[in-house]
N, C-alpha and C. Protein backbone atom coordinates (compact mmCIF):
# COMPACT_ATOMS: atom_id res chain seq x y z
N MET A 1 134.86 89.88 139.08
CA MET A 1 133.60 90.09 139.70
C MET A 1 133.60 89.33 141.10
N PRO A 2 132.82 90.13 142.00
CA PRO A 2 132.80 89.70 143.57
C PRO A 2 132.08 88.40 143.50
N ASN A 3 132.49 87.51 144.43
CA ASN A 3 131.78 86.06 144.70
C ASN A 3 131.98 85.61 145.97
N PHE A 4 131.06 84.52 146.26
CA PHE A 4 131.00 84.18 147.46
C PHE A 4 130.71 82.59 147.34
N ILE A 5 131.40 81.77 148.28
CA ILE A 5 131.00 80.26 148.39
C ILE A 5 129.94 80.06 149.37
N ASP A 6 128.86 79.52 149.13
CA ASP A 6 127.82 79.10 150.21
C ASP A 6 128.43 78.06 151.07
N LYS A 7 127.79 77.53 152.15
CA LYS A 7 128.35 76.14 152.70
C LYS A 7 128.25 75.04 152.17
N ASN A 8 127.49 74.96 150.96
CA ASN A 8 127.55 73.74 150.07
C ASN A 8 128.47 73.78 149.20
N GLY A 9 129.40 74.92 149.08
CA GLY A 9 130.50 74.68 147.98
C GLY A 9 130.29 75.68 146.70
N SER A 10 128.82 75.96 146.55
CA SER A 10 128.60 76.41 145.29
C SER A 10 129.01 78.16 145.41
N SER A 11 129.11 78.54 144.09
CA SER A 11 129.90 79.91 144.15
C SER A 11 128.52 80.82 143.55
N TRP A 12 128.42 82.06 143.94
CA TRP A 12 127.74 83.00 143.84
C TRP A 12 128.09 84.41 143.41
N ASN A 13 127.74 84.66 142.29
CA ASN A 13 128.54 86.16 141.67
C ASN A 13 127.57 87.47 142.07
N LEU A 14 128.07 88.12 142.50
CA LEU A 14 127.41 89.57 142.81
C LEU A 14 127.89 90.57 141.89
N GLU A 15 127.19 90.83 140.71
CA GLU A 15 127.34 91.96 139.96
C GLU A 15 126.27 93.00 140.04
N LEU A 16 126.44 94.12 140.86
CA LEU A 16 125.32 95.12 140.84
C LEU A 16 125.17 95.85 139.79
N ASN A 17 123.76 96.02 139.63
CA ASN A 17 123.27 97.19 138.52
C ASN A 17 122.34 98.14 139.26
N TYR A 18 121.97 98.73 138.42
CA TYR A 18 120.99 100.00 139.12
C TYR A 18 119.42 99.16 139.11
N GLY A 19 119.23 98.40 138.30
CA GLY A 19 117.93 97.66 138.63
C GLY A 19 117.92 96.87 139.86
N MET A 20 119.03 96.44 140.24
CA MET A 20 119.19 95.55 141.69
C MET A 20 119.03 96.68 142.62
N ILE A 21 119.65 97.72 142.37
CA ILE A 21 119.56 98.79 143.63
C ILE A 21 117.98 99.16 143.76
N MET A 22 117.44 99.48 142.74
CA MET A 22 116.01 99.71 142.75
C MET A 22 115.18 98.31 143.56
N ASP A 23 115.38 97.19 143.08
CA ASP A 23 114.73 96.11 143.58
C ASP A 23 115.19 95.93 145.15
N ILE A 24 116.49 95.97 145.57
CA ILE A 24 116.86 96.05 146.94
C ILE A 24 115.94 97.00 147.61
N LYS A 25 116.10 98.19 147.08
CA LYS A 25 115.05 99.12 147.82
C LYS A 25 113.60 98.93 148.22
N ASP A 26 113.17 98.39 146.89
CA ASP A 26 111.59 98.15 147.01
C ASP A 26 111.35 96.61 147.69
N GLN A 27 112.22 95.73 147.73
CA GLN A 27 111.91 94.32 148.46
C GLN A 27 112.65 94.35 149.61
N VAL A 28 113.59 94.88 150.06
CA VAL A 28 114.40 94.53 151.36
C VAL A 28 114.11 95.83 152.11
N GLY A 29 114.06 97.29 151.61
CA GLY A 29 113.85 98.33 152.41
C GLY A 29 115.25 99.09 152.43
N VAL A 30 116.27 98.50 151.99
CA VAL A 30 117.62 99.01 151.92
C VAL A 30 117.84 100.04 150.85
N ASP A 31 118.30 101.03 150.99
CA ASP A 31 118.61 102.24 150.13
C ASP A 31 120.09 102.23 149.98
N LEU A 32 120.67 101.68 148.99
CA LEU A 32 122.21 101.53 148.73
C LEU A 32 122.59 102.94 148.42
N ASP A 33 122.03 103.68 147.66
CA ASP A 33 122.49 104.96 147.37
C ASP A 33 122.76 105.88 148.67
N THR A 34 121.54 105.91 149.34
CA THR A 34 121.73 106.51 150.80
C THR A 34 122.83 105.80 151.57
N MET A 35 123.06 104.81 151.59
CA MET A 35 123.82 103.82 152.48
C MET A 35 125.43 104.18 152.07
N MET A 36 125.72 104.45 150.89
CA MET A 36 127.01 104.79 150.33
C MET A 36 127.34 106.11 150.85
N LYS A 37 126.44 107.00 151.53
CA LYS A 37 126.70 108.26 152.37
C LYS A 37 126.83 108.17 153.66
N LYS A 38 126.67 107.13 154.11
CA LYS A 38 126.69 106.84 155.70
C LYS A 38 127.35 105.43 155.89
N PRO A 39 128.75 105.28 155.80
CA PRO A 39 129.28 104.10 156.00
C PRO A 39 128.78 103.41 157.29
N GLU A 40 128.45 103.93 158.28
CA GLU A 40 127.91 103.42 159.46
C GLU A 40 126.80 102.24 159.38
N SER A 41 126.00 102.70 158.50
CA SER A 41 124.81 101.93 158.15
C SER A 41 125.26 100.42 157.16
N LEU A 42 126.19 100.86 156.31
CA LEU A 42 126.61 99.66 155.67
C LEU A 42 127.25 98.72 156.66
N ALA A 43 128.10 99.39 157.56
CA ALA A 43 128.94 98.46 158.57
C ALA A 43 127.76 97.55 159.40
N GLU A 44 126.73 98.53 159.87
CA GLU A 44 125.82 97.79 160.71
C GLU A 44 124.99 96.73 160.07
N ILE A 45 124.44 96.66 158.68
CA ILE A 45 124.04 95.73 158.12
C ILE A 45 125.14 94.33 157.97
N VAL A 46 126.26 94.68 157.68
CA VAL A 46 127.39 93.69 157.31
C VAL A 46 127.74 92.97 158.68
N LEU A 47 127.53 93.65 159.77
CA LEU A 47 128.22 93.11 161.08
C LEU A 47 127.24 92.33 162.07
N THR A 48 126.00 93.22 162.08
CA THR A 48 124.86 92.90 162.94
C THR A 48 123.56 92.48 162.24
N GLU A 49 123.31 92.48 161.24
CA GLU A 49 122.08 92.03 160.62
C GLU A 49 122.23 91.23 159.25
N PRO A 50 122.68 89.89 159.84
CA PRO A 50 122.86 89.11 158.92
C PRO A 50 121.72 88.76 157.98
N GLY A 51 120.44 88.78 158.59
CA GLY A 51 119.11 88.35 157.97
C GLY A 51 119.00 89.37 156.69
N LYS A 52 119.09 90.61 157.16
CA LYS A 52 118.95 91.57 156.01
C LYS A 52 119.91 91.72 155.10
N LEU A 53 121.17 91.39 155.39
CA LEU A 53 122.37 91.29 154.46
C LEU A 53 121.86 90.09 153.49
N ILE A 54 121.46 88.93 154.00
CA ILE A 54 120.94 87.94 153.12
C ILE A 54 120.08 88.07 152.44
N SER A 55 118.96 88.90 152.66
CA SER A 55 118.00 89.61 151.80
C SER A 55 118.23 90.25 150.74
N VAL A 56 119.41 91.18 151.02
CA VAL A 56 119.97 91.83 149.81
C VAL A 56 120.50 90.88 148.99
N LEU A 57 121.36 90.13 149.40
CA LEU A 57 122.23 89.11 148.73
C LEU A 57 121.10 88.51 147.89
N TYR A 58 120.09 87.87 148.35
CA TYR A 58 119.04 86.88 147.51
C TYR A 58 118.67 87.73 146.26
N VAL A 59 118.21 89.36 146.59
CA VAL A 59 117.85 89.88 145.44
C VAL A 59 118.89 90.06 144.25
N MET A 60 120.14 90.22 144.85
CA MET A 60 121.37 90.10 144.09
C MET A 60 121.54 88.85 143.16
N CYS A 61 121.28 88.10 143.83
CA CYS A 61 121.43 86.44 143.23
C CYS A 61 120.09 85.94 142.66
N GLU A 62 119.21 86.54 142.45
CA GLU A 62 117.81 86.17 142.28
C GLU A 62 117.78 85.26 140.81
N GLU A 63 118.60 85.80 139.87
CA GLU A 63 118.68 85.21 138.58
C GLU A 63 119.10 83.93 138.83
N GLN A 64 120.16 83.79 139.44
CA GLN A 64 121.23 82.54 140.04
C GLN A 64 120.27 81.63 140.58
N CYS A 65 119.40 82.19 141.43
CA CYS A 65 118.42 81.34 142.27
C CYS A 65 117.53 80.50 141.42
N LYS A 66 116.84 81.27 140.38
CA LYS A 66 116.05 80.60 139.71
C LYS A 66 116.60 79.72 138.56
N GLU A 67 117.67 79.84 138.22
CA GLU A 67 118.56 78.95 137.50
C GLU A 67 118.83 77.58 138.32
N LYS A 68 119.09 77.75 139.55
CA LYS A 68 119.12 76.56 140.43
C LYS A 68 117.93 76.10 141.11
N ASN A 69 116.71 76.66 140.79
CA ASN A 69 115.58 76.33 141.43
C ASN A 69 115.51 76.33 142.88
N ILE A 70 115.99 77.74 143.38
CA ILE A 70 115.94 77.78 144.91
C ILE A 70 115.30 79.04 145.19
N ASP A 71 114.40 78.81 146.33
CA ASP A 71 113.51 80.28 146.71
C ASP A 71 114.50 80.81 147.75
N ALA A 72 114.09 81.98 148.29
CA ALA A 72 114.45 82.87 149.27
C ALA A 72 115.03 81.97 150.62
N ARG A 73 114.07 81.20 150.92
CA ARG A 73 113.91 80.64 152.30
C ARG A 73 115.21 79.36 152.13
N GLN A 74 115.43 78.76 150.88
CA GLN A 74 116.30 77.89 150.72
C GLN A 74 117.65 78.36 150.62
N PHE A 75 117.69 79.53 149.84
CA PHE A 75 118.94 80.51 149.75
C PHE A 75 119.51 80.96 150.93
N GLY A 76 118.46 81.39 152.11
CA GLY A 76 118.96 81.61 153.47
C GLY A 76 119.48 80.49 154.15
N ARG A 77 119.05 79.05 153.67
CA ARG A 77 119.80 78.07 154.60
C ARG A 77 121.33 77.72 154.00
N LEU A 78 121.74 78.37 152.88
CA LEU A 78 123.01 78.02 152.50
C LEU A 78 124.05 79.01 153.25
N PHE A 79 123.55 79.61 154.24
CA PHE A 79 124.47 80.59 154.83
C PHE A 79 124.87 80.22 156.46
N ASN A 80 126.11 79.92 156.70
CA ASN A 80 126.65 79.59 158.05
C ASN A 80 127.61 80.94 158.27
N ARG A 81 127.98 81.18 159.52
CA ARG A 81 128.58 82.29 159.99
C ARG A 81 129.82 82.58 158.92
N GLU A 82 130.41 81.53 158.35
CA GLU A 82 131.60 81.82 157.52
C GLU A 82 131.18 82.44 156.30
N CYS A 83 130.16 81.97 155.59
CA CYS A 83 129.56 82.22 154.56
C CYS A 83 129.10 83.56 154.81
N VAL A 84 128.34 83.96 155.63
CA VAL A 84 127.96 85.22 155.90
C VAL A 84 129.11 86.52 155.87
N ASP A 85 130.18 85.94 156.48
CA ASP A 85 131.30 86.83 156.33
C ASP A 85 132.04 87.03 154.87
N SER A 86 131.97 85.92 154.33
CA SER A 86 132.50 86.08 152.96
C SER A 86 131.48 86.77 152.08
N ALA A 87 130.28 86.43 152.11
CA ALA A 87 129.14 87.24 151.24
C ALA A 87 129.35 88.64 151.75
N GLY A 88 129.54 89.02 153.02
CA GLY A 88 129.59 90.41 153.30
C GLY A 88 130.69 91.21 152.60
N ASN A 89 131.81 90.17 152.65
CA ASN A 89 132.94 90.95 152.00
C ASN A 89 132.65 91.25 150.40
N ALA A 90 132.03 90.00 149.77
CA ALA A 90 131.68 90.15 148.30
C ALA A 90 130.97 91.27 148.00
N PHE A 91 129.92 91.33 148.96
CA PHE A 91 128.69 92.59 148.72
C PHE A 91 129.32 93.93 148.84
N ILE A 92 130.32 94.24 149.79
CA ILE A 92 130.98 95.43 150.09
C ILE A 92 131.81 95.52 148.60
N GLU A 93 132.43 94.75 148.20
CA GLU A 93 133.23 94.82 146.94
C GLU A 93 132.31 95.09 145.62
N SER A 94 131.15 94.42 145.91
CA SER A 94 130.30 94.79 144.62
C SER A 94 129.88 96.35 144.52
N LEU A 95 129.72 96.90 145.82
CA LEU A 95 129.41 98.33 145.98
C LEU A 95 130.62 99.10 145.40
N PHE A 96 131.67 98.78 145.76
CA PHE A 96 132.82 99.59 145.11
C PHE A 96 133.02 99.63 143.61
N LEU A 97 132.52 98.61 143.54
CA LEU A 97 132.89 98.48 141.87
C LEU A 97 131.60 99.12 140.98
N PHE A 98 130.67 99.13 141.57
CA PHE A 98 129.39 99.81 141.05
C PHE A 98 129.67 101.48 141.26
N TYR A 99 130.08 101.73 142.29
CA TYR A 99 130.29 103.28 142.61
C TYR A 99 131.74 103.68 142.39
N PRO A 100 132.35 103.41 141.18
CA PRO A 100 133.74 103.66 141.32
C PRO A 100 134.30 105.19 141.24
N ARG A 101 133.60 106.02 140.82
CA ARG A 101 133.86 107.33 140.75
C ARG A 101 133.21 108.21 141.65
N SER A 102 132.43 107.63 142.46
CA SER A 102 131.56 108.33 143.75
C SER A 102 132.46 108.65 144.60
N ALA A 103 132.49 109.78 145.20
CA ALA A 103 133.45 110.38 146.41
C ALA A 103 133.09 109.69 147.46
N ALA A 104 131.50 109.39 147.61
CA ALA A 104 131.43 108.60 148.79
C ALA A 104 131.81 107.29 148.78
N GLY A 105 131.78 106.63 147.63
CA GLY A 105 132.30 105.33 147.46
C GLY A 105 133.75 105.03 147.80
N ARG A 106 134.56 106.04 147.34
CA ARG A 106 135.95 106.24 147.90
C ARG A 106 136.12 106.43 149.26
N ALA A 107 135.53 107.30 150.02
CA ALA A 107 135.44 107.52 151.17
C ALA A 107 135.10 106.30 152.01
N ILE A 108 133.98 105.76 151.68
CA ILE A 108 133.57 104.67 152.41
C ILE A 108 134.71 103.39 152.21
N LYS A 109 135.06 103.23 151.27
CA LYS A 109 136.37 102.21 150.86
C LYS A 109 137.43 102.53 151.94
N GLU A 110 137.87 103.65 152.19
CA GLU A 110 138.90 104.07 153.03
C GLU A 110 138.58 103.82 154.51
N GLN A 111 137.39 104.32 154.74
CA GLN A 111 136.66 104.30 156.24
C GLN A 111 136.21 102.72 156.59
N LEU A 112 135.75 102.23 155.61
CA LEU A 112 134.97 100.98 156.08
C LEU A 112 135.74 99.98 157.08
N PRO A 113 137.15 99.65 156.87
CA PRO A 113 137.81 98.95 157.48
C PRO A 113 137.97 99.24 159.41
N ARG A 114 138.09 100.70 159.34
CA ARG A 114 138.20 101.49 160.67
C ARG A 114 136.53 101.40 161.19
N ILE A 115 135.77 101.38 160.41
CA ILE A 115 134.23 101.70 160.88
C ILE A 115 133.91 100.13 161.41
N LEU A 116 134.39 98.91 160.51
CA LEU A 116 134.01 97.78 160.72
C LEU A 116 134.84 97.08 162.58
N GLU A 117 136.10 97.61 162.36
CA GLU A 117 136.84 97.42 163.46
C GLU A 117 136.06 97.91 164.57
N LYS A 118 135.69 99.10 164.52
CA LYS A 118 135.09 99.83 165.69
C LYS A 118 133.79 99.11 166.12
N MET A 119 133.13 98.73 165.09
CA MET A 119 131.62 98.27 165.37
C MET A 119 132.17 96.70 166.38
N ASP A 120 133.08 96.13 165.83
CA ASP A 120 133.37 94.80 166.27
C ASP A 120 133.59 95.14 167.72
N SER A 121 134.69 95.99 167.92
CA SER A 121 134.96 96.42 169.16
C SER A 121 133.89 96.78 170.44
N GLN A 122 132.68 97.71 169.70
CA GLN A 122 131.70 97.79 170.40
C GLN A 122 131.04 96.50 170.82
N ILE A 123 130.66 95.82 170.01
CA ILE A 123 130.18 94.65 170.09
C ILE A 123 130.54 93.88 171.17
N GLU A 124 132.05 93.72 171.17
CA GLU A 124 132.68 92.85 172.03
C GLU A 124 132.65 93.44 173.49
N LYS A 125 132.66 94.92 173.58
CA LYS A 125 132.42 95.50 174.74
C LYS A 125 131.03 95.27 175.42
N LYS A 126 129.94 95.29 174.64
CA LYS A 126 128.42 94.82 175.02
C LYS A 126 128.58 93.53 175.57
N MET A 127 129.26 92.72 174.88
CA MET A 127 128.97 91.40 175.30
C MET A 127 129.78 90.89 176.66
């Protein structure tokens, strides 16, 4: 199961299910089904929208947060740059595990490293 470690050393598991996909769409406005068809939008969230990524992760970790008595703002405070990167990778892995037979999922898995590299390069050029 994909997981990431927050800045305080706690581990968070990311096991995506369809209920979470609906909750993410309702609560964050991110449609993972559509995103799987457009790898650029996935790369954009992972690379350039950490707030949106962390909001998605909060929905995925909501039950764990309840067990730890952590609200969304407290959850967000657990992320530094390194944690955002690690959590983004775990998020991508959770997508691939949920969409294992999806042609779109396989295509994204193959294309995502190149897309991420291209987006990193574009961001560097803009800076």
